[in-house]
Amino acid sequence: MSQESLPSDGGPEHPDALPEYAERVLEVTELIPPGRVMTYGDVAEWLGEGGPRQVGRVMALYGGAVPWWRVVRADGLPLPGHERRALGHYRAEGTPLKEASRAAEGHVPRLDMKRARWDGGGHTEGHT
C-alpha cells in the first residue's frame, strides 16, 4: 500500500500509513469489548512496549478511527473535553459507572474501574 492511504474517519481495515506502534495500539483498542475499558498503561503493558504517555499520544493522533472511549485514564474520569461523547458511549454499551452525586453540580460520572476494567482475557489475537 502507498503512503497516500491515510486513515479516514471511518477507520480503514489496514491502516498501513500508521507507524507500527500506533497500529498496534489501535489493534488492542479494537479488541476491548463493549462495556469494558483498559487504561493507557494497560494497553502499554499488553503490548510490552511504551508507556501510558505513548499510548495517550497515539490515541490523541489516531484514536478517532477506533472506539477511543474504551482507553481511559486510570482514575476513571472521562477524557477531558470529550466527556459528553464518552458518557454517551458508556451508557449505550452498559459500561459500569459511578454516578456523580447530585450535590456536585457539573461533576461528571466516573467509570467504575473495578467493574469496567478489562484484562484482555479471552482474546489472544495479536497478543505477543
Protein backbone atom coordinates (compact mmCIF):
# COMPACT_ATOMS: atom_id res chain seq x y z
CA MET A 1 0.00 0.00 0.00
CA SER A 2 1.16 3.52 -0.61
CA GLN A 3 1.78 6.21 1.98
CA GLU A 4 -1.18 8.06 0.43
CA SER A 5 -3.68 5.66 2.03
CA LEU A 6 -4.14 7.67 5.21
CA PRO A 7 -6.78 6.60 7.72
CA SER A 8 -10.22 8.08 7.20
CA ASP A 9 -12.81 8.91 9.83
CA GLY A 10 -14.40 5.53 9.16
CA GLY A 11 -11.27 3.68 10.19
CA PRO A 12 -9.62 1.59 7.47
CA GLU A 13 -9.23 -2.16 7.94
CA HIS A 14 -5.46 -1.92 7.39
CA PRO A 15 -4.05 1.48 8.40
CA ASP A 16 -0.78 0.95 6.52
CA ALA A 17 0.21 4.61 6.73
CA LEU A 18 0.38 4.47 10.54
CA PRO A 19 3.60 3.97 12.47
CA GLU A 20 3.89 0.35 13.63
CA TYR A 21 3.44 1.19 17.33
CA ALA A 22 0.33 3.27 16.61
CA GLU A 23 -1.15 0.45 14.55
CA ARG A 24 -0.55 -1.99 17.42
CA VAL A 25 -2.18 0.37 19.96
CA LEU A 26 -5.24 0.75 17.73
CA GLU A 27 -5.46 -3.03 17.26
CA VAL A 28 -5.56 -3.54 21.04
CA THR A 29 -8.21 -0.82 21.34
CA GLU A 30 -10.40 -2.68 18.86
CA LEU A 31 -10.15 -5.86 20.97
CA ILE A 32 -11.67 -4.21 24.06
CA PRO A 33 -15.25 -5.46 24.31
CA PRO A 34 -18.19 -3.02 24.50
CA GLY A 35 -18.87 -2.06 28.11
CA ARG A 36 -15.26 -2.59 29.17
CA VAL A 37 -12.17 -0.35 29.29
CA MET A 38 -8.38 -0.50 29.54
CA THR A 39 -6.15 2.23 30.89
CA TYR A 40 -3.39 3.78 28.80
CA GLY A 41 -0.94 1.85 30.99
CA ASP A 42 -2.86 -1.41 30.49
CA VAL A 43 -2.53 -1.05 26.72
CA ALA A 44 1.22 -0.37 27.00
CA GLU A 45 1.61 -3.39 29.30
CA TRP A 46 -0.39 -5.59 26.90
CA LEU A 47 1.96 -4.56 24.09
CA GLY A 48 5.06 -4.90 26.25
CA GLU A 49 6.25 -1.59 24.84
CA GLY A 50 5.94 2.12 25.56
CA GLY A 51 4.01 3.57 28.46
CA PRO A 52 0.82 5.46 29.23
CA ARG A 53 2.08 8.68 27.65
CA GLN A 54 2.98 6.97 24.37
CA VAL A 55 -0.41 5.24 24.23
CA GLY A 56 -2.12 8.56 25.02
CA ARG A 57 -0.22 10.24 22.19
CA VAL A 58 -1.28 7.55 19.72
CA MET A 59 -4.90 7.86 20.85
CA ALA A 60 -4.77 11.66 20.52
CA LEU A 61 -3.39 11.47 16.98
CA TYR A 62 -5.13 8.39 15.56
CA GLY A 63 -7.80 7.26 18.04
CA GLY A 64 -10.76 8.65 16.11
CA ALA A 65 -10.76 5.55 13.88
CA VAL A 66 -11.34 3.15 16.81
CA PRO A 67 -13.54 3.02 19.96
CA TRP A 68 -11.35 5.62 21.72
CA TRP A 69 -13.68 5.85 24.74
CA ARG A 70 -12.56 2.36 25.80
CA VAL A 71 -8.99 3.53 26.54
CA VAL A 72 -9.10 5.66 29.67
CA ARG A 73 -7.19 7.33 32.45
CA ALA A 74 -6.52 5.16 35.49
CA ASP A 75 -8.64 7.46 37.69
CA GLY A 76 -11.77 6.58 35.68
CA LEU A 77 -12.57 10.14 34.62
CA PRO A 78 -13.77 10.55 31.01
CA LEU A 79 -11.41 12.19 28.54
CA PRO A 80 -11.37 15.94 29.28
CA GLY A 81 -13.19 17.86 26.58
CA HIS A 82 -14.94 14.71 25.36
CA GLU A 83 -16.93 13.81 28.48
CA ARG A 84 -20.38 14.02 26.90
CA ARG A 85 -19.47 11.91 23.87
CA ALA A 86 -17.66 9.35 26.03
CA LEU A 87 -20.54 9.13 28.53
CA GLY A 88 -22.98 8.58 25.67
CA HIS A 89 -20.89 5.62 24.52
CA TYR A 90 -20.51 4.25 28.07
CA ARG A 91 -24.25 4.41 28.68
CA ALA A 92 -25.07 2.84 25.31
CA GLU A 93 -22.62 -0.01 25.95
CA GLY A 94 -23.59 -0.54 29.59
CA THR A 95 -20.13 0.35 30.90
CA PRO A 96 -20.21 0.40 34.74
CA LEU A 97 -20.23 3.98 36.04
CA LYS A 98 -20.15 5.61 39.46
CA GLU A 99 -22.75 8.32 39.08
CA ALA A 100 -21.81 11.78 40.31
CA SER A 101 -23.64 12.98 43.37
CA ARG A 102 -26.42 15.48 42.68
CA ALA A 103 -24.70 17.91 45.06
CA ALA A 104 -21.67 18.04 42.78
CA GLU A 105 -23.17 20.23 40.06
CA GLY A 106 -21.28 19.97 36.81
CA HIS A 107 -19.48 16.89 38.07
CA VAL A 108 -19.44 14.06 35.52
CA PRO A 109 -19.76 10.38 36.39
CA ARG A 110 -16.57 8.38 36.76
CA LEU A 111 -16.02 4.90 35.40
CA ASP A 112 -16.31 2.10 37.95
CA MET A 113 -12.82 0.84 37.22
CA LYS A 114 -13.13 -2.30 39.37
CA ARG A 115 -16.06 -3.49 37.27
CA ALA A 116 -15.27 -1.90 33.89
CA ARG A 117 -11.56 -2.71 33.56
CA TRP A 118 -10.75 -5.43 31.04
CA ASP A 119 -7.59 -7.52 31.43
CA GLY A 120 -7.58 -8.86 27.88
CA GLY A 121 -8.82 -12.27 29.00
CA GLY A 122 -10.40 -14.38 26.33
CA HIS A 123 -8.57 -12.64 23.48
CA THR A 124 -5.13 -13.75 22.42
CA GLU A 125 -5.28 -12.44 18.85
CA GLY A 126 -2.41 -10.04 18.32
CA HIS A 127 -1.10 -10.53 21.87
CA THR A 128 2.60 -11.31 21.85
